[in-house]
Protein backbone atom coordinates (compact mmCIF):
# COMPACT_ATOMS: atom_id res chain seq x y z
CA UNK A 1 62.15 42.76 40.79
CA UNK A 2 65.01 40.94 40.05
CA UNK A 3 68.55 42.65 38.71
CA UNK A 4 67.50 40.14 35.57
CA UNK A 5 64.69 41.62 34.84
CA UNK A 6 65.96 44.92 35.55
CA UNK A 7 68.35 44.27 32.63
CA UNK A 8 66.31 42.53 29.89
CA UNK A 9 63.90 45.96 30.59
CA UNK A 10 66.54 47.98 30.44
CA UNK A 11 67.97 46.64 27.00
CA UNK A 12 64.29 46.06 25.73
CA UNK A 13 64.08 50.13 26.21
CA UNK A 14 67.56 50.83 24.41
CA UNK A 15 66.59 48.60 21.81
CA UNK A 16 63.29 50.32 21.16
CA UNK A 17 64.99 53.97 21.40
CA UNK A 18 67.29 53.03 18.50
CA UNK A 19 64.27 52.18 16.67
CA UNK A 20 62.53 55.02 17.37
CA UNK A 21 65.73 57.53 16.69
CA UNK A 22 66.05 54.95 13.17
CA UNK A 23 62.30 55.39 12.42
CA UNK A 24 62.90 59.26 12.49
CA UNK A 25 65.37 59.32 10.47
CA UNK A 26 64.74 57.12 7.76
CA UNK A 27 65.98 54.17 8.32
CA UNK A 28 63.43 52.03 7.93
CA UNK A 29 65.34 48.74 7.77
CA UNK A 30 67.38 49.17 10.75
CA UNK A 31 64.99 50.94 12.65
CA UNK A 32 62.52 47.27 12.12
CA UNK A 33 65.51 44.83 13.53
CA UNK A 34 65.58 47.26 16.84
CA UNK A 35 61.89 47.12 16.96
CA UNK A 36 62.27 43.39 16.95
CA UNK A 37 64.22 42.50 19.41
CA UNK A 38 62.44 44.77 22.07
CA UNK A 39 59.21 43.43 20.69
CA UNK A 40 60.63 39.15 21.47
CA UNK A 41 61.16 40.45 24.93
CA UNK A 42 57.69 41.76 26.09
CA UNK A 43 57.71 45.42 24.71
CA UNK A 44 54.21 46.58 23.83
CA UNK A 45 55.05 49.71 21.67
CA UNK A 46 57.77 47.67 19.68
CA UNK A 47 54.57 44.99 19.45
CA UNK A 48 52.46 47.92 18.13
CA UNK A 49 54.78 49.44 15.48
CA UNK A 50 55.88 46.13 14.45
CA UNK A 51 52.53 45.74 13.58
CA UNK A 52 52.31 49.44 11.85
CA UNK A 53 55.32 48.00 9.22
CA UNK A 54 53.94 44.78 8.85
CA UNK A 55 50.81 46.01 7.61
CA UNK A 56 52.53 49.09 5.64
CA UNK A 57 55.35 47.24 4.71
CA UNK A 58 57.96 49.78 5.61
CA UNK A 59 61.39 48.30 6.53
CA UNK A 60 60.13 44.82 5.68
CA UNK A 61 58.11 42.92 3.69
CA UNK A 62 54.15 43.59 4.46
CA UNK A 63 52.67 40.61 5.54
CA UNK A 64 48.80 41.20 7.54
CA UNK A 65 48.84 37.75 8.79
CA UNK A 66 52.51 39.58 10.46
CA UNK A 67 51.13 42.34 11.52
CA UNK A 68 47.69 41.40 13.08
CA UNK A 69 50.04 38.91 15.20
CA UNK A 70 51.90 41.31 16.66
CA UNK A 71 49.49 43.82 16.95
CA UNK A 72 47.28 41.06 19.43
CA UNK A 73 50.32 40.82 21.43
CA UNK A 74 50.49 44.51 21.95
CA UNK A 75 46.91 44.21 22.57
CA UNK A 76 47.03 41.80 24.93
CA UNK A 77 49.34 44.02 27.49
CA UNK A 78 46.72 46.70 26.85
CA UNK A 79 47.76 48.49 24.23
CA UNK A 80 44.94 51.07 23.06
CA UNK A 81 45.94 51.76 19.47
CA UNK A 82 46.84 48.29 18.49
CA UNK A 83 43.25 47.36 19.80
CA UNK A 84 41.58 49.69 18.06
CA UNK A 85 43.80 48.25 14.61
CA UNK A 86 43.64 44.77 15.97
CA UNK A 87 39.81 45.74 15.75
CA UNK A 88 40.63 47.58 11.80
CA UNK A 89 41.52 43.96 10.90
CA UNK A 90 39.45 41.82 12.19
CA UNK A 91 36.90 43.99 10.82
CA UNK A 92 38.21 43.94 7.60
CA UNK A 93 39.59 40.61 7.70
CA UNK A 94 42.76 41.86 6.78
CA UNK A 95 44.85 39.14 7.74
CA UNK A 96 42.58 37.48 10.36
CA UNK A 97 39.00 35.52 9.34
CA UNK A 98 36.44 38.30 8.44
CA UNK A 99 34.75 38.73 12.29
CA UNK A 100 32.51 41.55 13.23
CA UNK A 101 32.31 40.43 16.99
CA UNK A 102 36.32 40.30 17.40
CA UNK A 103 36.27 43.99 15.62
CA UNK A 104 33.95 44.62 18.00
CA UNK A 105 35.30 43.60 20.70
CA UNK A 106 38.99 44.83 20.47
CA UNK A 107 37.04 48.40 19.61
CA UNK A 108 35.82 48.55 22.88
CA UNK A 109 38.78 47.28 24.82
CA UNK A 110 40.34 50.34 23.63
CA UNK A 111 36.75 52.99 23.56
CA UNK A 112 36.87 51.79 27.14
CA UNK A 113 40.20 53.64 27.61
CA UNK A 114 39.24 56.60 26.26
CA UNK A 115 40.59 56.29 22.39
CA UNK A 116 38.83 58.17 20.49
CA UNK A 117 38.87 56.67 17.07
CA UNK A 118 38.03 53.74 18.90
CA UNK A 119 34.38 55.81 19.94
CA UNK A 120 34.07 57.45 17.06
CA UNK A 121 33.94 53.93 14.76
CA UNK A 122 31.57 51.77 17.59
CA UNK A 123 29.33 54.81 16.55
CA UNK A 124 29.24 54.98 13.53
CA UNK A 125 29.18 50.59 13.15
CA UNK A 126 26.43 50.86 15.81
CA UNK A 127 24.12 53.60 14.04
CA UNK A 128 24.45 52.69 10.45
CA UNK A 129 25.04 49.21 11.15
CA UNK A 130 27.69 47.93 8.63
CA UNK A 131 27.76 43.95 8.36
CA UNK A 132 25.79 44.41 11.57
CA UNK A 133 22.50 44.76 12.79
CA UNK A 134 22.13 48.92 14.29
CA UNK A 135 21.98 49.39 17.88
CA UNK A 136 20.88 52.72 18.33
CA UNK A 137 21.05 52.91 22.12
CA UNK A 138 24.61 51.33 21.99
CA UNK A 139 25.54 53.97 18.66
CA UNK A 140 24.48 57.13 21.27
CA UNK A 141 25.99 55.82 23.75
CA UNK A 142 29.20 55.83 21.63
CA UNK A 143 28.24 58.85 20.28
CA UNK A 144 28.54 60.95 23.91
CA UNK A 145 31.52 59.21 24.76
CA UNK A 146 33.42 60.67 21.73
CA UNK A 147 31.87 64.05 22.27
CA UNK A 148 33.00 64.35 25.57
CA UNK A 149 36.33 63.07 24.72
CA UNK A 150 37.00 65.78 22.80
CA UNK A 151 36.11 64.72 19.34
CA UNK A 152 34.27 68.36 17.45
CA UNK A 153 32.05 66.90 15.09
CA UNK A 154 30.13 64.32 17.68
CA UNK A 155 28.37 67.07 19.52
CA UNK A 156 26.45 68.26 16.72
CA UNK A 157 25.37 65.56 15.52
CA UNK A 158 23.62 65.13 18.88
CA UNK A 159 22.06 68.08 19.22
CA UNK A 160 20.42 67.27 15.97
CA UNK A 161 19.51 63.86 17.00
CA UNK A 162 17.47 64.85 19.56
CA UNK A 163 16.30 67.84 18.50
CA UNK A 164 14.71 65.91 14.79
CA UNK A 165 14.66 62.47 16.87
CA UNK A 166 16.13 61.53 14.64
CA UNK A 167 15.97 57.16 16.16
CA UNK A 168 16.30 57.99 19.60
CA UNK A 169 13.06 59.95 21.74
CA UNK A 170 13.10 63.95 20.79
CA UNK A 171 15.02 65.61 23.60
CA UNK A 172 14.90 69.66 23.11
CA UNK A 173 16.69 70.20 26.35
CA UNK A 174 19.75 67.66 25.38
CA UNK A 175 20.03 69.07 22.54
CA UNK A 176 20.47 73.20 23.19
CA UNK A 177 22.77 70.83 26.14
CA UNK A 178 24.62 69.33 22.93
CA UNK A 179 24.07 72.59 20.58
CA UNK A 180 25.75 74.51 23.19
CA UNK A 181 28.79 72.21 23.85
CA UNK A 182 29.53 71.82 20.29
CA UNK A 183 30.16 75.85 20.66
CA UNK A 184 32.96 74.41 21.96
CA UNK A 185 34.98 73.31 19.08
CA UNK A 186 32.73 75.05 16.03
CA UNK A 187 32.13 78.23 17.35
CA UNK A 188 32.01 79.95 14.17
CA UNK A 189 29.34 77.64 13.26
CA UNK A 190 26.72 78.13 16.00
CA UNK A 191 26.57 81.93 15.66
CA UNK A 192 25.63 81.24 12.03
CA UNK A 193 22.95 78.74 13.12
CA UNK A 194 20.20 79.96 13.85
CA UNK A 195 18.40 77.00 15.57
CA UNK A 196 18.83 77.70 19.28
CA UNK A 197 16.94 80.91 18.95
CA UNK A 198 13.78 79.04 17.70
CA UNK A 199 14.18 76.74 20.39
CA UNK A 200 14.40 79.23 22.89
CA UNK A 201 11.34 80.91 21.47
CA UNK A 202 9.21 77.41 20.92
CA UNK A 203 10.57 75.93 23.86
CA UNK A 204 11.89 77.97 26.64
CA UNK A 205 11.53 75.82 29.84
CA UNK A 206 13.39 73.38 28.42
CA UNK A 207 15.82 76.32 26.46
CA UNK A 208 16.54 77.10 30.02
CA UNK A 209 17.51 73.60 31.55
CA UNK A 210 19.17 72.79 28.85
CA UNK A 211 21.83 75.78 28.58
CA UNK A 212 21.72 75.66 32.33
CA UNK A 213 23.16 72.54 32.50
CA UNK A 214 25.92 73.07 30.16
CA UNK A 215 26.58 76.24 31.87
CA UNK A 216 26.90 74.48 35.54
CA UNK A 217 28.97 72.10 34.03
CA UNK A 218 31.76 74.43 32.67
CA UNK A 219 31.84 76.41 35.65
CA UNK A 220 32.25 73.14 37.71
CA UNK A 221 35.02 72.04 35.19
């Protein structure tokens, strides 16, 4: 890295830090000015913050087109939050023409980076088919990714889906696994739910395999 590039990076970092400090003090116009300087030098976090501020009209006049512009700048550099926000702007036609394909593209870019809200958004879109055709295979793929990424509601949703055969083939072994998994996030709810006892009584083999898979995964960390 050249000395000139290092100096520019230092300036960009400094402007960003000053922006964060001003934002924390609720001096939004000053924060915006610092973020703008940093963003123009290519700092993706500053670009993302400009998107937020233009979208909310905080420290600057609300401008959804400029919000989308700065989100895209940050998204192109791999900023997951910006990719998600840009996807939402395409989904709802805010500052850009409404385009569900573009929305899905940016949501998926964020989701592949492990961004939880993008994963749950994709699961819902593919499940319920908002402004698009449903795709249950993709819906449950993203439900599973969200569940493994710490979403507290997705494991129980998966358990019920596999238990009842809702939109997917019934699979008691997987249902048992996800019921136990949901207990990590909602232990009291699982204690009150007698469904596992019913499954153990009616499907002892599938129950045993599902529980064993959960315990094996739990022990392996």
